[in-house]
Amino acid sequence: MTKQEMKVRTKKYALRIVKAVQALPNGRVGNVLGNQLLRAGTSVAANYRAVCRAKSAADFVNKLKIVEEECDESLFWMELLVESGVIAQSRFTNLMKEGDEILAIVVSAAKTTRASL
């Protein structure tokens, strides 16, 4: 996958996160957890853009680690929303699958790059 393709993919993920958060029921738990999901999920795309501007291989890996953390965090908030009963698992299944795939790609890219340093 090229950097441009990954930029598009992470942006689509962010947009899907936005729509998912908009669909959450209003209430204290939904709002708080939704805000956390919105921040982490949209950060995946924003930070991947920073990856594409890395100044060195080490900088590239460091920026990828931020994407990894944000993606993993977004998955955590989705799990919490489901497990707390705020939203049905079926509403997040595909989005969580995409998050898992993006996370795997980022982890693999970081390992590959680190091995070449």
PDB file of N, CA and C in Angstrom:
ATOM      1  N   MET A   1       0.846  -1.181   0.000  1.00  0.00           N
ATOM      2  CA  MET A   1       0.000   0.000   0.000  1.00  0.00           C
ATOM      3  C   MET A   1       0.892   1.244   0.000  1.00  0.00           C
ATOM      4  N   THR A   2       0.620   2.169  -0.881  1.00  0.00           N
ATOM      5  CA  THR A   2       1.417   3.391  -0.956  1.00  0.00           C
ATOM      6  C   THR A   2       1.023   4.347   0.161  1.00  0.00           C
ATOM      7  N   LYS A   3       1.885   5.335   0.385  1.00  0.00           N
ATOM      8  CA  LYS A   3       1.572   6.347   1.395  1.00  0.00           C
ATOM      9  C   LYS A   3       0.269   7.075   1.048  1.00  0.00           C
ATOM     10  N   GLN A   4       0.083   7.355  -0.239  1.00  0.00           N
ATOM     11  CA  GLN A   4      -1.137   8.066  -0.659  1.00  0.00           C
ATOM     12  C   GLN A   4      -2.377   7.209  -0.399  1.00  0.00           C
ATOM     13  N   GLU A   5      -2.300   5.938  -0.715  1.00  0.00           N
ATOM     14  CA  GLU A   5      -3.431   5.042  -0.468  1.00  0.00           C
ATOM     15  C   GLU A   5      -3.736   4.952   1.031  1.00  0.00           C
ATOM     16  N   MET A   6      -2.694   4.935   1.837  1.00  0.00           N
ATOM     17  CA  MET A   6      -2.887   4.872   3.287  1.00  0.00           C
ATOM     18  C   MET A   6      -3.461   6.178   3.817  1.00  0.00           C
ATOM     19  N   LYS A   7      -3.066   7.293   3.225  1.00  0.00           N
ATOM     20  CA  LYS A   7      -3.652   8.582   3.605  1.00  0.00           C
ATOM     21  C   LYS A   7      -5.157   8.570   3.357  1.00  0.00           C
ATOM     22  N   VAL A   8      -5.541   8.068   2.202  1.00  0.00           N
ATOM     23  CA  VAL A   8      -6.962   7.994   1.849  1.00  0.00           C
ATOM     24  C   VAL A   8      -7.691   7.051   2.805  1.00  0.00           C
ATOM     25  N   ARG A   9      -7.076   5.912   3.073  1.00  0.00           N
ATOM     26  CA  ARG A   9      -7.712   4.910   3.941  1.00  0.00           C
ATOM     27  C   ARG A   9      -7.905   5.437   5.365  1.00  0.00           C
ATOM     28  N   THR A  10      -6.885   6.107   5.905  1.00  0.00           N
ATOM     29  CA  THR A  10      -7.020   6.626   7.267  1.00  0.00           C
ATOM     30  C   THR A  10      -8.020   7.777   7.334  1.00  0.00           C
ATOM     31  N   LYS A  11      -8.105   8.554   6.260  1.00  0.00           N
ATOM     32  CA  LYS A  11      -9.087   9.638   6.235  1.00  0.00           C
ATOM     33  C   LYS A  11     -10.505   9.066   6.184  1.00  0.00           C
ATOM     34  N   LYS A  12     -10.707   8.017   5.399  1.00  0.00           N
ATOM     35  CA  LYS A  12     -12.019   7.364   5.352  1.00  0.00           C
ATOM     36  C   LYS A  12     -12.379   6.793   6.719  1.00  0.00           C
ATOM     37  N   TYR A  13     -11.384   6.238   7.404  1.00  0.00           N
ATOM     38  CA  TYR A  13     -11.595   5.723   8.760  1.00  0.00           C
ATOM     39  C   TYR A  13     -12.047   6.863   9.674  1.00  0.00           C
ATOM     40  N   ALA A  14     -11.378   7.998   9.598  1.00  0.00           N
ATOM     41  CA  ALA A  14     -11.739   9.157  10.418  1.00  0.00           C
ATOM     42  C   ALA A  14     -13.169   9.613  10.125  1.00  0.00           C
ATOM     43  N   LEU A  15     -13.532   9.648   8.861  1.00  0.00           N
ATOM     44  CA  LEU A  15     -14.895  10.058   8.500  1.00  0.00           C
ATOM     45  C   LEU A  15     -15.933   9.071   9.020  1.00  0.00           C
ATOM     46  N   ARG A  16     -15.597   7.793   8.983  1.00  0.00           N
ATOM     47  CA  ARG A  16     -16.509   6.777   9.525  1.00  0.00           C
ATOM     48  C   ARG A  16     -16.639   6.921  11.037  1.00  0.00           C
ATOM     49  N   ILE A  17     -15.551   7.289  11.697  1.00  0.00           N
ATOM     50  CA  ILE A  17     -15.589   7.541  13.142  1.00  0.00           C
ATOM     51  C   ILE A  17     -16.520   8.718  13.434  1.00  0.00           C
ATOM     52  N   VAL A  18     -16.401   9.784  12.661  1.00  0.00           N
ATOM     53  CA  VAL A  18     -17.254  10.962  12.842  1.00  0.00           C
ATOM     54  C   VAL A  18     -18.726  10.554  12.741  1.00  0.00           C
ATOM     55  N   LYS A  19     -19.061   9.792  11.715  1.00  0.00           N
ATOM     56  CA  LYS A  19     -20.452   9.369  11.526  1.00  0.00           C
ATOM     57  C   LYS A  19     -20.916   8.453  12.650  1.00  0.00           C
ATOM     58  N   ALA A  20     -20.037   7.584  13.112  1.00  0.00           N
ATOM     59  CA  ALA A  20     -20.389   6.671  14.207  1.00  0.00           C
ATOM     60  C   ALA A  20     -20.674   7.451  15.488  1.00  0.00           C
ATOM     61  N   VAL A  21     -19.847   8.450  15.767  1.00  0.00           N
ATOM     62  CA  VAL A  21     -20.045   9.258  16.969  1.00  0.00           C
ATOM     63  C   VAL A  21     -21.337  10.065  16.861  1.00  0.00           C
ATOM     64  N   GLN A  22     -21.632  10.570  15.685  1.00  0.00           N
ATOM     65  CA  GLN A  22     -22.877  11.318  15.489  1.00  0.00           C
ATOM     66  C   GLN A  22     -24.103  10.444  15.738  1.00  0.00           C
ATOM     67  N   ALA A  23     -23.972   9.153  15.515  1.00  0.00           N
ATOM     68  CA  ALA A  23     -25.093   8.225  15.677  1.00  0.00           C
ATOM     69  C   ALA A  23     -25.253   7.711  17.106  1.00  0.00           C
ATOM     70  N   LEU A  24     -24.315   8.034  17.982  1.00  0.00           N
ATOM     71  CA  LEU A  24     -24.415   7.562  19.364  1.00  0.00           C
ATOM     72  C   LEU A  24     -25.589   8.234  20.070  1.00  0.00           C
ATOM     73  N   PRO A  25     -26.209   7.509  20.997  1.00  0.00           N
ATOM     74  CA  PRO A  25     -27.305   8.118  21.747  1.00  0.00           C
ATOM     75  C   PRO A  25     -26.777   9.217  22.674  1.00  0.00           C
ATOM     76  N   ASN A  26     -27.593  10.245  22.850  1.00  0.00           N
ATOM     77  CA  ASN A  26     -27.209  11.316  23.774  1.00  0.00           C
ATOM     78  C   ASN A  26     -27.309  10.802  25.195  1.00  0.00           C
ATOM     79  N   GLY A  27     -26.439  11.263  26.009  1.00  0.00           N
ATOM     80  CA  GLY A  27     -26.372  10.865  27.413  1.00  0.00           C
ATOM     81  C   GLY A  27     -24.944  11.055  27.873  1.00  0.00           C
ATOM     82  N   ARG A  28     -24.758  11.088  29.152  1.00  0.00           N
ATOM     83  CA  ARG A  28     -23.426  11.375  29.687  1.00  0.00           C
ATOM     84  C   ARG A  28     -22.373  10.381  29.206  1.00  0.00           C
ATOM     85  N   VAL A  29     -22.647   9.094  29.324  1.00  0.00           N
ATOM     86  CA  VAL A  29     -21.661   8.082  28.934  1.00  0.00           C
ATOM     87  C   VAL A  29     -21.404   8.133  27.431  1.00  0.00           C
ATOM     88  N   GLY A  30     -22.457   8.166  26.630  1.00  0.00           N
ATOM     89  CA  GLY A  30     -22.303   8.223  25.179  1.00  0.00           C
ATOM     90  C   GLY A  30     -21.528   9.452  24.736  1.00  0.00           C
ATOM     91  N   ASN A  31     -21.807  10.574  25.374  1.00  0.00           N
ATOM     92  CA  ASN A  31     -21.120  11.810  24.998  1.00  0.00           C
ATOM     93  C   ASN A  31     -19.639  11.785  25.381  1.00  0.00           C
ATOM     94  N   VAL A  32     -19.338  11.349  26.593  1.00  0.00           N
ATOM     95  CA  VAL A  32     -17.943  11.333  27.047  1.00  0.00           C
ATOM     96  C   VAL A  32     -17.125  10.324  26.245  1.00  0.00           C
ATOM     97  N   LEU A  33     -17.638   9.093  26.142  1.00  0.00           N
ATOM     98  CA  LEU A  33     -16.903   8.073  25.392  1.00  0.00           C
ATOM     99  C   LEU A  33     -16.860   8.420  23.905  1.00  0.00           C
ATOM    100  N   GLY A  34     -17.930   8.994  23.391  1.00  0.00           N
ATOM    101  CA  GLY A  34     -17.967   9.423  21.991  1.00  0.00           C
ATOM    102  C   GLY A  34     -16.929  10.490  21.700  1.00  0.00           C
ATOM    103  N   ASN A  35     -16.779  11.442  22.623  1.00  0.00           N
ATOM    104  CA  ASN A  35     -15.759  12.481  22.438  1.00  0.00           C
ATOM    105  C   ASN A  35     -14.363  11.876  22.415  1.00  0.00           C
ATOM    106  N   GLN A  36     -14.119  10.912  23.290  1.00  0.00           N
ATOM    107  CA  GLN A  36     -12.809  10.253  23.319  1.00  0.00           C
ATOM    108  C   GLN A  36     -12.563   9.504  22.010  1.00  0.00           C
ATOM    109  N   LEU A  37     -13.586   8.794  21.542  1.00  0.00           N
ATOM    110  CA  LEU A  37     -13.475   8.069  20.270  1.00  0.00           C
ATOM    111  C   LEU A  37     -13.235   9.035  19.119  1.00  0.00           C
ATOM    112  N   LEU A  38     -13.951  10.133  19.119  1.00  0.00           N
ATOM    113  CA  LEU A  38     -13.800  11.127  18.057  1.00  0.00           C
ATOM    114  C   LEU A  38     -12.374  11.675  18.014  1.00  0.00           C
ATOM    115  N   ARG A  39     -11.814  11.978  19.162  1.00  0.00           N
ATOM    116  CA  ARG A  39     -10.454  12.516  19.217  1.00  0.00           C
ATOM    117  C   ARG A  39      -9.429  11.486  18.726  1.00  0.00           C
ATOM    118  N   ALA A  40      -9.525  10.266  19.263  1.00  0.00           N
ATOM    119  CA  ALA A  40      -8.538   9.238  18.897  1.00  0.00           C
ATOM    120  C   ALA A  40      -8.699   8.797  17.445  1.00  0.00           C
ATOM    121  N   GLY A  41      -9.938   8.565  17.033  1.00  0.00           N
ATOM    122  CA  GLY A  41     -10.189   8.051  15.684  1.00  0.00           C
ATOM    123  C   GLY A  41      -9.809   9.018  14.575  1.00  0.00           C
ATOM    124  N   THR A  42     -10.078  10.292  14.783  1.00  0.00           N
ATOM    125  CA  THR A  42      -9.709  11.274  13.759  1.00  0.00           C
ATOM    126  C   THR A  42      -8.211  11.563  13.802  1.00  0.00           C
ATOM    127  N   SER A  43      -7.611  11.364  14.962  1.00  0.00           N
ATOM    128  CA  SER A  43      -6.175  11.570  15.108  1.00  0.00           C
ATOM    129  C   SER A  43      -5.363  10.574  14.287  1.00  0.00           C
ATOM    130  N   VAL A  44      -5.930   9.413  14.021  1.00  0.00           N
ATOM    131  CA  VAL A  44      -5.232   8.407  13.207  1.00  0.00           C
ATOM    132  C   VAL A  44      -4.865   9.017  11.850  1.00  0.00           C
ATOM    133  N   ALA A  45      -5.824   9.626  11.205  1.00  0.00           N
ATOM    134  CA  ALA A  45      -5.579  10.216   9.883  1.00  0.00           C
ATOM    135  C   ALA A  45      -4.669  11.438   9.969  1.00  0.00           C
ATOM    136  N   ALA A  46      -4.910  12.288  10.951  1.00  0.00           N
ATOM    137  CA  ALA A  46      -4.096  13.496  11.085  1.00  0.00           C
ATOM    138  C   ALA A  46      -2.630  13.146  11.335  1.00  0.00           C
ATOM    139  N   ASN A  47      -2.404  12.179  12.194  1.00  0.00           N
ATOM    140  CA  ASN A  47      -1.029  11.796  12.500  1.00  0.00           C
ATOM    141  C   ASN A  47      -0.389  11.000  11.371  1.00  0.00           C
ATOM    142  N   TYR A  48      -1.183  10.278  10.594  1.00  0.00           N
ATOM    143  CA  TYR A  48      -0.590   9.588   9.444  1.00  0.00           C
ATOM    144  C   TYR A  48      -0.080  10.607   8.423  1.00  0.00           C
ATOM    145  N   ARG A  49      -0.783  11.718   8.290  1.00  0.00           N
ATOM    146  CA  ARG A  49      -0.303  12.775   7.397  1.00  0.00           C
ATOM    147  C   ARG A  49       1.076  13.266   7.855  1.00  0.00           C
ATOM    148  N   ALA A  50       1.260  13.340   9.166  1.00  0.00           N
ATOM    149  CA  ALA A  50       2.568  13.738   9.706  1.00  0.00           C
ATOM    150  C   ALA A  50       3.625  12.682   9.390  1.00  0.00           C
ATOM    151  N   VAL A  51       3.240  11.417   9.401  1.00  0.00           N
ATOM    152  CA  VAL A  51       4.159  10.332   9.042  1.00  0.00           C
ATOM    153  C   VAL A  51       4.716  10.578   7.647  1.00  0.00           C
ATOM    154  N   CYS A  52       3.861  10.999   6.763  1.00  0.00           N
ATOM    155  CA  CYS A  52       4.259  11.212   5.367  1.00  0.00           C
ATOM    156  C   CYS A  52       5.242  12.369   5.205  1.00  0.00           C
ATOM    157  N   ARG A  53       5.388  13.168   6.241  1.00  0.00           N
ATOM    158  CA  ARG A  53       6.328  14.290   6.192  1.00  0.00           C
ATOM    159  C   ARG A  53       7.556  14.045   7.078  1.00  0.00           C
ATOM    160  N   ALA A  54       7.775  12.809   7.464  1.00  0.00           N
ATOM    161  CA  ALA A  54       8.899  12.472   8.337  1.00  0.00           C
ATOM    162  C   ALA A  54      10.217  12.880   7.688  1.00  0.00           C
ATOM    163  N   LYS A  55      11.138  13.328   8.509  1.00  0.00           N
ATOM    164  CA  LYS A  55      12.411  13.842   8.005  1.00  0.00           C
ATOM    165  C   LYS A  55      13.515  12.794   7.980  1.00  0.00           C
ATOM    166  N   SER A  56      13.264  11.656   8.630  1.00  0.00           N
ATOM    167  CA  SER A  56      14.253  10.575   8.647  1.00  0.00           C
ATOM    168  C   SER A  56      13.520   9.270   8.934  1.00  0.00           C
ATOM    169  N   ALA A  57      14.229   8.170   8.808  1.00  0.00           N
ATOM    170  CA  ALA A  57      13.621   6.873   9.104  1.00  0.00           C
ATOM    171  C   ALA A  57      13.220   6.791  10.579  1.00  0.00           C
ATOM    172  N   ALA A  58      14.055   7.323  11.451  1.00  0.00           N
ATOM    173  CA  ALA A  58      13.734   7.306  12.882  1.00  0.00           C
ATOM    174  C   ALA A  58      12.503   8.165  13.171  1.00  0.00           C
ATOM    175  N   ASP A  59      12.424   9.309  12.534  1.00  0.00           N
ATOM    176  CA  ASP A  59      11.256  10.182  12.686  1.00  0.00           C
ATOM    177  C   ASP A  59      10.006   9.485  12.157  1.00  0.00           C
ATOM    178  N   PHE A  60      10.156   8.784  11.043  1.00  0.00           N
ATOM    179  CA  PHE A  60       9.064   8.017  10.445  1.00  0.00           C
ATOM    180  C   PHE A  60       8.519   6.994  11.450  1.00  0.00           C
ATOM    181  N   VAL A  61       9.416   6.250  12.082  1.00  0.00           N
ATOM    182  CA  VAL A  61       9.004   5.231  13.058  1.00  0.00           C
ATOM    183  C   VAL A  61       8.329   5.892  14.260  1.00  0.00           C
ATOM    184  N   ASN A  62       8.908   6.977  14.755  1.00  0.00           N
ATOM    185  CA  ASN A  62       8.314   7.668  15.907  1.00  0.00           C
ATOM    186  C   ASN A  62       6.913   8.162  15.603  1.00  0.00           C
ATOM    187  N   LYS A  63       6.716   8.714  14.429  1.00  0.00           N
ATOM    188  CA  LYS A  63       5.389   9.209  14.052  1.00  0.00           C
ATOM    189  C   LYS A  63       4.413   8.045  13.839  1.00  0.00           C
ATOM    190  N   LEU A  64       4.904   6.941  13.291  1.00  0.00           N
ATOM    191  CA  LEU A  64       4.054   5.756  13.135  1.00  0.00           C
ATOM    192  C   LEU A  64       3.590   5.234  14.487  1.00  0.00           C
ATOM    193  N   LYS A  65       4.451   5.305  15.499  1.00  0.00           N
ATOM    194  CA  LYS A  65       4.077   4.845  16.837  1.00  0.00           C
ATOM    195  C   LYS A  65       2.915   5.665  17.387  1.00  0.00           C
ATOM    196  N   ILE A  66       2.863   6.939  17.060  1.00  0.00           N
ATOM    197  CA  ILE A  66       1.744   7.789  17.497  1.00  0.00           C
ATOM    198  C   ILE A  66       0.465   7.316  16.820  1.00  0.00           C
ATOM    199  N   VAL A  67       0.542   7.031  15.521  1.00  0.00           N
ATOM    200  CA  VAL A  67      -0.625   6.516  14.794  1.00  0.00           C
ATOM    201  C   VAL A  67      -1.077   5.198  15.424  1.00  0.00           C
ATOM    202  N   GLU A  68      -0.115   4.347  15.734  1.00  0.00           N
ATOM    203  CA  GLU A  68      -0.427   3.059  16.367  1.00  0.00           C
ATOM    204  C   GLU A  68      -1.180   3.268  17.682  1.00  0.00           C
ATOM    205  N   GLU A  69      -0.688   4.162  18.516  1.00  0.00           N
ATOM    206  CA  GLU A  69      -1.326   4.433  19.801  1.00  0.00           C
ATOM    207  C   GLU A  69      -2.744   4.974  19.634  1.00  0.00           C
ATOM    208  N   GLU A  70      -2.926   5.893  18.716  1.00  0.00           N
ATOM    209  CA  GLU A  70      -4.241   6.499  18.507  1.00  0.00           C
ATOM    210  C   GLU A  70      -5.236   5.488  17.939  1.00  0.00           C
ATOM    211  N   CYS A  71      -4.763   4.647  17.041  1.00  0.00           N
ATOM    212  CA  CYS A  71      -5.632   3.628  16.449  1.00  0.00           C
ATOM    213  C   CYS A  71      -6.053   2.621  17.515  1.00  0.00           C
ATOM    214  N   ASP A  72      -5.094   2.184  18.320  1.00  0.00           N
ATOM    215  CA  ASP A  72      -5.403   1.251  19.394  1.00  0.00           C
ATOM    216  C   ASP A  72      -6.367   1.884  20.395  1.00  0.00           C
ATOM    217  N   GLU A  73      -6.167   3.147  20.690  1.00  0.00           N
ATOM    218  CA  GLU A  73      -7.060   3.847  21.614  1.00  0.00           C
ATOM    219  C   GLU A  73      -8.471   3.944  21.037  1.00  0.00           C
ATOM    220  N   SER A  74      -8.583   4.215  19.753  1.00  0.00           N
ATOM    221  CA  SER A  74      -9.927   4.295  19.159  1.00  0.00           C
ATOM    222  C   SER A  74     -10.644   2.950  19.268  1.00  0.00           C
ATOM    223  N   LEU A  75      -9.895   1.874  19.091  1.00  0.00           N
ATOM    224  CA  LEU A  75     -10.481   0.541  19.250  1.00  0.00           C
ATOM    225  C   LEU A  75     -10.932   0.318  20.689  1.00  0.00           C
ATOM    226  N   PHE A  76     -10.153   0.807  21.638  1.00  0.00           N
ATOM    227  CA  PHE A  76     -10.525   0.686  23.045  1.00  0.00           C
ATOM    228  C   PHE A  76     -11.854   1.393  23.319  1.00  0.00           C
ATOM    229  N   TRP A  77     -12.016   2.617  22.829  1.00  0.00           N
ATOM    230  CA  TRP A  77     -13.250   3.366  23.087  1.00  0.00           C
ATOM    231  C   TRP A  77     -14.445   2.675  22.445  1.00  0.00           C
ATOM    232  N   MET A  78     -14.254   2.103  21.257  1.00  0.00           N
ATOM    233  CA  MET A  78     -15.353   1.359  20.642  1.00  0.00           C
ATOM    234  C   MET A  78     -15.714   0.133  21.480  1.00  0.00           C
ATOM    235  N   GLU A  79     -14.700  -0.581  21.966  1.00  0.00           N
ATOM    236  CA  GLU A  79     -14.959  -1.741  22.822  1.00  0.00           C
ATOM    237  C   GLU A  79     -15.735  -1.317  24.065  1.00  0.00           C
ATOM    238  N   LEU A  80     -15.339  -0.200  24.651  1.00  0.00           N
ATOM    239  CA  LEU A  80     -15.999   0.287  25.862  1.00  0.00           C
ATOM    240  C   LEU A  80     -17.450   0.679  25.587  1.00  0.00           C
ATOM    241  N   LEU A  81     -17.682   1.316  24.465  1.00  0.00           N
ATOM    242  CA  LEU A  81     -19.054   1.674  24.098  1.00  0.00           C
ATOM    243  C   LEU A  81     -19.931   0.436  23.933  1.00  0.00           C
ATOM    244  N   VAL A  82     -19.384  -0.596  23.337  1.00  0.00           N
ATOM    245  CA  VAL A  82     -20.132  -1.841  23.133  1.00  0.00           C
ATOM    246  C   VAL A  82     -20.341  -2.558  24.471  1.00  0.00           C
ATOM    247  N   GLU A  83     -19.257  -2.737  25.218  1.00  0.00           N
ATOM    248  CA  GLU A  83     -19.331  -3.494  26.465  1.00  0.00           C
ATOM    249  C   GLU A  83     -20.158  -2.798  27.535  1.00  0.00           C
ATOM    250  N   SER A  84     -20.290  -1.485  27.459  1.00  0.00           N
ATOM    251  CA  SER A  84     -21.115  -0.753  28.412  1.00  0.00           C
ATOM    252  C   SER A  84     -22.587  -0.750  27.999  1.00  0.00           C
ATOM    253  N   GLY A  85     -22.858  -1.268  26.811  1.00  0.00           N
ATOM    254  CA  GLY A  85     -24.236  -1.340  26.340  1.00  0.00           C
ATOM    255  C   GLY A  85     -24.758  -0.068  25.697  1.00  0.00           C
ATOM    256  N   VAL A  86     -23.878   0.886  25.461  1.00  0.00           N
ATOM    257  CA  VAL A  86     -24.305   2.141  24.824  1.00  0.00           C
ATOM    258  C   VAL A  86     -24.706   1.895  23.372  1.00  0.00           C
ATOM    259  N   ILE A  87     -24.015   0.980  22.723  1.00  0.00           N
ATOM    260  CA  ILE A  87     -24.288   0.692  21.315  1.00  0.00           C
ATOM    261  C   ILE A  87     -24.092  -0.799  21.060  1.00  0.00           C
ATOM    262  N   ALA A  88     -24.836  -1.330  20.116  1.00  0.00           N
ATOM    263  CA  ALA A  88     -24.735  -2.753  19.783  1.00  0.00           C
ATOM    264  C   ALA A  88     -23.430  -3.050  19.051  1.00  0.00           C
ATOM    265  N   GLN A  89     -22.856  -4.202  19.324  1.00  0.00           N
ATOM    266  CA  GLN A  89     -21.614  -4.647  18.674  1.00  0.00           C
ATOM    267  C   GLN A  89     -21.729  -4.576  17.158  1.00  0.00           C
ATOM    268  N   SER A  90     -22.879  -4.954  16.644  1.00  0.00           N
ATOM    269  CA  SER A  90     -23.072  -4.995  15.190  1.00  0.00           C
ATOM    270  C   SER A  90     -22.871  -3.626  14.532  1.00  0.00           C
ATOM    271  N   ARG A  91     -23.082  -2.559  15.276  1.00  0.00           N
ATOM    272  CA  ARG A  91     -22.913  -1.212  14.724  1.00  0.00           C
ATOM    273  C   ARG A  91     -21.438  -0.854  14.518  1.00  0.00           C
ATOM    274  N   PHE A  92     -20.552  -1.528  15.263  1.00  0.00           N
ATOM    275  CA  PHE A  92     -19.123  -1.210  15.190  1.00  0.00           C
ATOM    276  C   PHE A  92     -18.282  -2.312  14.560  1.00  0.00           C
ATOM    277  N   THR A  93     -18.869  -3.433  14.204  1.00  0.00           N
ATOM    278  CA  THR A  93     -18.090  -4.581  13.721  1.00  0.00           C
ATOM    279  C   THR A  93     -17.174  -4.209  12.562  1.00  0.00           C
ATOM    280  N   ASN A  94     -17.710  -3.618  11.513  1.00  0.00           N
ATOM    281  CA  ASN A  94     -16.901  -3.279  10.333  1.00  0.00           C
ATOM    282  C   ASN A  94     -15.880  -2.182  10.627  1.00  0.00           C
ATOM    283  N   LEU A  95     -16.276  -1.220  11.427  1.00  0.00           N
ATOM    284  CA  LEU A  95     -15.370  -0.127  11.771  1.00  0.00           C
ATOM    285  C   LEU A  95     -14.209  -0.644  12.624  1.00  0.00           C
ATOM    286  N   MET A  96     -14.502  -1.542  13.540  1.00  0.00           N
ATOM    287  CA  MET A  96     -13.438  -2.123  14.362  1.00  0.00           C
ATOM    288  C   MET A  96     -12.518  -3.000  13.522  1.00  0.00           C
ATOM    289  N   LYS A  97     -13.070  -3.689  12.554  1.00  0.00           N
ATOM    290  CA  LYS A  97     -12.252  -4.505  11.639  1.00  0.00           C
ATOM    291  C   LYS A  97     -11.288  -3.607  10.866  1.00  0.00           C
ATOM    292  N   GLU A  98     -11.790  -2.484  10.383  1.00  0.00           N
ATOM    293  CA  GLU A  98     -10.926  -1.538   9.663  1.00  0.00           C
ATOM    294  C   GLU A  98      -9.845  -0.987  10.588  1.00  0.00           C
ATOM    295  N   GLY A  99     -10.202  -0.666  11.813  1.00  0.00           N
ATOM    296  CA  GLY A  99      -9.215  -0.196  12.787  1.00  0.00           C
ATOM    297  C   GLY A  99      -8.138  -1.235  13.042  1.00  0.00           C
ATOM    298  N   ASP A 100      -8.552  -2.493  13.176  1.00  0.00           N
ATOM    299  CA  ASP A 100      -7.582  -3.583  13.369  1.00  0.00           C
ATOM    300  C   ASP A 100      -6.641  -3.702  12.178  1.00  0.00           C
ATOM    301  N   GLU A 101      -7.180  -3.572  10.965  1.00  0.00           N
ATOM    302  CA  GLU A 101      -6.351  -3.677   9.761  1.00  0.00           C
ATOM    303  C   GLU A 101      -5.364  -2.517   9.659  1.00  0.00           C
ATOM    304  N   ILE A 102      -5.832  -1.317   9.931  1.00  0.00           N
ATOM    305  CA  ILE A 102      -4.937  -0.150   9.901  1.00  0.00           C
ATOM    306  C   ILE A 102      -3.846  -0.325  10.954  1.00  0.00           C
ATOM    307  N   LEU A 103      -4.221  -0.779  12.130  1.00  0.00           N
ATOM    308  CA  LEU A 103      -3.256  -1.000  13.199  1.00  0.00           C
ATOM    309  C   LEU A 103      -2.198  -2.011  12.771  1.00  0.00           C
ATOM    310  N   ALA A 104      -2.613  -3.099  12.156  1.00  0.00           N
ATOM    311  CA  ALA A 104      -1.667  -4.128  11.697  1.00  0.00           C
ATOM    312  C   ALA A 104      -0.708  -3.575  10.643  1.00  0.00           C
ATOM    313  N   ILE A 105      -1.215  -2.780   9.729  1.00  0.00           N
ATOM    314  CA  ILE A 105      -0.375  -2.179   8.685  1.00  0.00           C
ATOM    315  C   ILE A 105       0.673  -1.257   9.309  1.00  0.00           C
ATOM    316  N   VAL A 106       0.245  -0.431  10.245  1.00  0.00           N
ATOM    317  CA  VAL A 106       1.146   0.530  10.886  1.00  0.00           C
ATOM    318  C   VAL A 106       2.219  -0.194  11.705  1.00  0.00           C
ATOM    319  N   VAL A 107       1.818  -1.201  12.457  1.00  0.00           N
ATOM    320  CA  VAL A 107       2.780  -1.966  13.256  1.00  0.00           C
ATOM    321  C   VAL A 107       3.806  -2.641  12.344  1.00  0.00           C
ATOM    322  N   SER A 108       3.335  -3.227  11.259  1.00  0.00           N
ATOM    323  CA  SER A 108       4.231  -3.891  10.312  1.00  0.00           C
ATOM    324  C   SER A 108       5.206  -2.897   9.678  1.00  0.00           C
ATOM    325  N   ALA A 109       4.707  -1.737   9.284  1.00  0.00           N
ATOM    326  CA  ALA A 109       5.575  -0.714   8.677  1.00  0.00           C
ATOM    327  C   ALA A 109       6.645  -0.244   9.659  1.00  0.00           C
ATOM    328  N   ALA A 110       6.260  -0.086  10.922  1.00  0.00           N
ATOM    329  CA  ALA A 110       7.225   0.352  11.933  1.00  0.00           C
ATOM    330  C   ALA A 110       8.302  -0.722  12.148  1.00  0.00           C
ATOM    331  N   LYS A 111       7.883  -1.992  12.218  1.00  0.00           N
ATOM    332  CA  LYS A 111       8.847  -3.096  12.401  1.00  0.00           C
ATOM    333  C   LYS A 111       9.809  -3.180  11.231  1.00  0.00           C
ATOM    334  N   THR A 112       9.281  -3.108  10.030  1.00  0.00           N
ATOM    335  CA  THR A 112      10.104  -3.196   8.820  1.00  0.00           C
ATOM    336  C   THR A 112      11.125  -2.050   8.782  1.00  0.00           C
ATOM    337  N   THR A 113      10.650  -0.850   9.070  1.00  0.00           N
ATOM    338  CA  THR A 113      11.544   0.309   9.028  1.00  0.00           C
ATOM    339  C   THR A 113      12.582   0.232  10.136  1.00  0.00           C
ATOM    340  N   ARG A 114      12.162  -0.176  11.330  1.00  0.00           N
ATOM    341  CA  ARG A 114      13.095  -0.301  12.458  1.00  0.00           C
ATOM    342  C   ARG A 114      14.181  -1.322  12.163  1.00  0.00           C
ATOM    343  N   ALA A 115      13.805  -2.394  11.484  1.00  0.00           N
ATOM    344  CA  ALA A 115      14.776  -3.441  11.146  1.00  0.00           C
ATOM    345  C   ALA A 115      15.847  -2.943  10.173  1.00  0.00           C
ATOM    346  N   SER A 116      15.496  -1.942   9.384  1.00  0.00           N
ATOM    347  CA  SER A 116      16.459  -1.420   8.401  1.00  0.00           C
ATOM    348  C   SER A 116      17.338  -0.310   8.953  1.00  0.00           C
ATOM    349  N   LEU A 117      17.112   0.098  10.185  1.00  0.00           N
ATOM    350  CA  LEU A 117      17.916   1.176  10.783  1.00  0.00           C
ATOM    351  C   LEU A 117      19.246   0.675  11.270  1.00  0.00           C
TER     352      LEU A 117
END
